[in-house]
Amino acid sequence: MFLFYLPPYSPELNPAEILWRILKGKWIRPIDYETTDSLFYCTNRALASVGTNLFVNYSYL
């Protein structure tokens, strides 16, 4: 058994946190926040495009 110290909250260690930060900061436009439907549509479109048209660079960690 190995015990490792993990900080209580470390978003830099969680790839999903990085993906959501990039999604909110770069891929979703301010106009997409106007309605719930447009936000859901844009989010689904962006997540479906990850790996084909949109890429996340995790190398800076």
N, C-alpha and C. Protein backbone atom coordinates (compact mmCIF):
# COMPACT_ATOMS: atom_id res chain seq x y z
N MET A 1 0.85 -1.16 0.00
CA MET A 1 0.00 0.00 0.00
C MET A 1 0.90 1.23 0.00
N PHE A 2 0.54 2.22 -0.82
CA PHE A 2 1.27 3.47 -0.88
C PHE A 2 0.33 4.60 -0.51
N LEU A 3 0.80 5.50 0.31
CA LEU A 3 0.01 6.67 0.68
C LEU A 3 0.63 7.89 0.02
N PHE A 4 -0.19 8.66 -0.64
CA PHE A 4 0.25 9.87 -1.30
C PHE A 4 -0.51 11.05 -0.73
N TYR A 5 0.19 12.15 -0.53
CA TYR A 5 -0.47 13.37 -0.10
C TYR A 5 -1.14 14.01 -1.31
N LEU A 6 -2.42 14.28 -1.23
CA LEU A 6 -3.15 14.99 -2.26
C LEU A 6 -3.70 16.27 -1.64
N PRO A 7 -3.47 17.40 -2.29
CA PRO A 7 -4.04 18.63 -1.77
C PRO A 7 -5.56 18.58 -1.82
N PRO A 8 -6.25 19.34 -1.00
CA PRO A 8 -7.71 19.27 -0.95
C PRO A 8 -8.37 19.64 -2.27
N TYR A 9 -7.82 20.59 -3.00
CA TYR A 9 -8.38 20.95 -4.30
C TYR A 9 -7.23 21.30 -5.20
N SER A 10 -7.06 20.55 -6.27
CA SER A 10 -5.94 20.80 -7.18
C SER A 10 -6.43 20.67 -8.62
N PRO A 11 -7.00 21.74 -9.18
CA PRO A 11 -7.54 21.67 -10.54
C PRO A 11 -6.48 21.40 -11.60
N GLU A 12 -5.23 21.75 -11.32
CA GLU A 12 -4.19 21.50 -12.31
C GLU A 12 -3.88 20.01 -12.47
N LEU A 13 -4.32 19.18 -11.53
CA LEU A 13 -4.12 17.74 -11.63
C LEU A 13 -5.30 17.03 -12.27
N ASN A 14 -6.37 17.73 -12.54
CA ASN A 14 -7.57 17.13 -13.09
C ASN A 14 -7.76 17.61 -14.54
N PRO A 15 -7.59 16.73 -15.53
CA PRO A 15 -7.72 17.13 -16.93
C PRO A 15 -9.10 17.70 -17.27
N ALA A 16 -10.14 17.27 -16.59
CA ALA A 16 -11.48 17.79 -16.88
C ALA A 16 -11.58 19.27 -16.52
N GLU A 17 -10.90 19.69 -15.46
CA GLU A 17 -10.91 21.11 -15.08
C GLU A 17 -10.27 21.96 -16.17
N ILE A 18 -9.19 21.47 -16.76
CA ILE A 18 -8.51 22.21 -17.83
C ILE A 18 -9.41 22.28 -19.06
N LEU A 19 -10.07 21.18 -19.38
CA LEU A 19 -10.99 21.16 -20.52
C LEU A 19 -12.11 22.17 -20.33
N TRP A 20 -12.73 22.21 -19.16
CA TRP A 20 -13.83 23.15 -18.92
C TRP A 20 -13.36 24.60 -18.95
N ARG A 21 -12.14 24.86 -18.43
CA ARG A 21 -11.61 26.22 -18.46
C ARG A 21 -11.41 26.70 -19.90
N ILE A 22 -10.87 25.83 -20.74
CA ILE A 22 -10.68 26.19 -22.15
C ILE A 22 -12.01 26.31 -22.86
N LEU A 23 -12.94 25.42 -22.56
CA LEU A 23 -14.27 25.48 -23.16
C LEU A 23 -14.95 26.80 -22.86
N LYS A 24 -14.93 27.21 -21.59
CA LYS A 24 -15.58 28.47 -21.20
C LYS A 24 -14.82 29.69 -21.70
N GLY A 25 -13.50 29.61 -21.77
CA GLY A 25 -12.70 30.77 -22.11
C GLY A 25 -12.50 31.01 -23.60
N LYS A 26 -12.48 29.94 -24.39
CA LYS A 26 -12.13 30.09 -25.80
C LYS A 26 -13.22 29.63 -26.76
N TRP A 27 -13.89 28.55 -26.46
CA TRP A 27 -14.77 27.92 -27.44
C TRP A 27 -16.21 28.39 -27.36
N ILE A 28 -16.63 28.90 -26.23
CA ILE A 28 -18.00 29.40 -26.11
C ILE A 28 -17.96 30.93 -26.20
N ARG A 29 -18.71 31.46 -27.13
CA ARG A 29 -18.76 32.91 -27.32
C ARG A 29 -19.74 33.53 -26.33
N PRO A 30 -19.60 34.82 -26.04
CA PRO A 30 -20.54 35.47 -25.12
C PRO A 30 -21.99 35.40 -25.60
N ILE A 31 -22.21 35.42 -26.89
CA ILE A 31 -23.57 35.34 -27.42
C ILE A 31 -24.22 33.98 -27.13
N ASP A 32 -23.41 32.95 -26.94
CA ASP A 32 -23.94 31.61 -26.65
C ASP A 32 -24.57 31.50 -25.27
N TYR A 33 -24.30 32.46 -24.39
CA TYR A 33 -24.86 32.44 -23.04
C TYR A 33 -26.24 33.09 -22.95
N GLU A 34 -26.76 33.57 -24.06
CA GLU A 34 -28.04 34.29 -24.01
C GLU A 34 -29.21 33.41 -23.62
N THR A 35 -29.26 32.22 -24.16
CA THR A 35 -30.35 31.30 -23.80
C THR A 35 -29.76 29.96 -23.38
N THR A 36 -30.53 29.21 -22.64
CA THR A 36 -30.09 27.89 -22.20
C THR A 36 -29.91 26.97 -23.39
N ASP A 37 -30.82 27.04 -24.35
CA ASP A 37 -30.72 26.18 -25.52
C ASP A 37 -29.45 26.44 -26.32
N SER A 38 -29.11 27.71 -26.52
CA SER A 38 -27.90 28.01 -27.28
C SER A 38 -26.65 27.59 -26.52
N LEU A 39 -26.67 27.71 -25.20
CA LEU A 39 -25.53 27.27 -24.40
C LEU A 39 -25.36 25.76 -24.47
N PHE A 40 -26.46 25.02 -24.33
CA PHE A 40 -26.38 23.56 -24.43
C PHE A 40 -25.92 23.13 -25.82
N TYR A 41 -26.44 23.79 -26.85
CA TYR A 41 -26.06 23.44 -28.22
C TYR A 41 -24.58 23.68 -28.45
N CYS A 42 -24.10 24.85 -28.05
CA CYS A 42 -22.69 25.19 -28.24
C CYS A 42 -21.77 24.26 -27.45
N THR A 43 -22.15 23.95 -26.21
CA THR A 43 -21.35 23.04 -25.39
C THR A 43 -21.28 21.65 -26.00
N ASN A 44 -22.42 21.13 -26.43
CA ASN A 44 -22.44 19.81 -27.07
C ASN A 44 -21.63 19.80 -28.35
N ARG A 45 -21.74 20.86 -29.14
CA ARG A 45 -20.99 20.95 -30.39
C ARG A 45 -19.49 20.98 -30.11
N ALA A 46 -19.07 21.76 -29.11
CA ALA A 46 -17.65 21.85 -28.79
C ALA A 46 -17.11 20.53 -28.25
N LEU A 47 -17.85 19.89 -27.34
CA LEU A 47 -17.38 18.62 -26.78
C LEU A 47 -17.33 17.52 -27.82
N ALA A 48 -18.25 17.54 -28.78
CA ALA A 48 -18.22 16.54 -29.86
C ALA A 48 -17.03 16.77 -30.78
N SER A 49 -16.53 18.00 -30.85
CA SER A 49 -15.41 18.32 -31.74
C SER A 49 -14.05 18.14 -31.10
N VAL A 50 -14.00 17.87 -29.81
CA VAL A 50 -12.71 17.68 -29.15
C VAL A 50 -12.02 16.45 -29.74
N GLY A 51 -10.80 16.65 -30.20
CA GLY A 51 -10.04 15.56 -30.78
C GLY A 51 -10.10 15.51 -32.29
N THR A 52 -11.12 16.14 -32.88
CA THR A 52 -11.20 16.17 -34.34
C THR A 52 -10.92 17.57 -34.87
N ASN A 53 -11.66 18.56 -34.38
CA ASN A 53 -11.46 19.94 -34.81
C ASN A 53 -10.87 20.81 -33.72
N LEU A 54 -11.15 20.49 -32.48
CA LEU A 54 -10.66 21.27 -31.33
C LEU A 54 -9.71 20.40 -30.51
N PHE A 55 -8.63 21.01 -30.05
CA PHE A 55 -7.62 20.25 -29.32
C PHE A 55 -7.26 20.96 -28.02
N VAL A 56 -6.92 20.16 -27.01
CA VAL A 56 -6.50 20.67 -25.72
C VAL A 56 -5.05 20.26 -25.54
N ASN A 57 -4.20 21.23 -25.23
CA ASN A 57 -2.78 20.96 -25.01
C ASN A 57 -2.53 20.87 -23.51
N TYR A 58 -2.27 19.67 -23.03
CA TYR A 58 -2.00 19.46 -21.61
C TYR A 58 -0.51 19.50 -21.29
N SER A 59 0.32 19.82 -22.26
CA SER A 59 1.77 19.69 -22.08
C SER A 59 2.36 20.73 -21.14
N TYR A 60 1.65 21.81 -20.86
CA TYR A 60 2.21 22.83 -19.99
C TYR A 60 2.12 22.49 -18.52
N LEU A 61 1.54 21.36 -18.18
CA LEU A 61 1.42 20.97 -16.77
C LEU A 61 2.72 20.54 -16.19
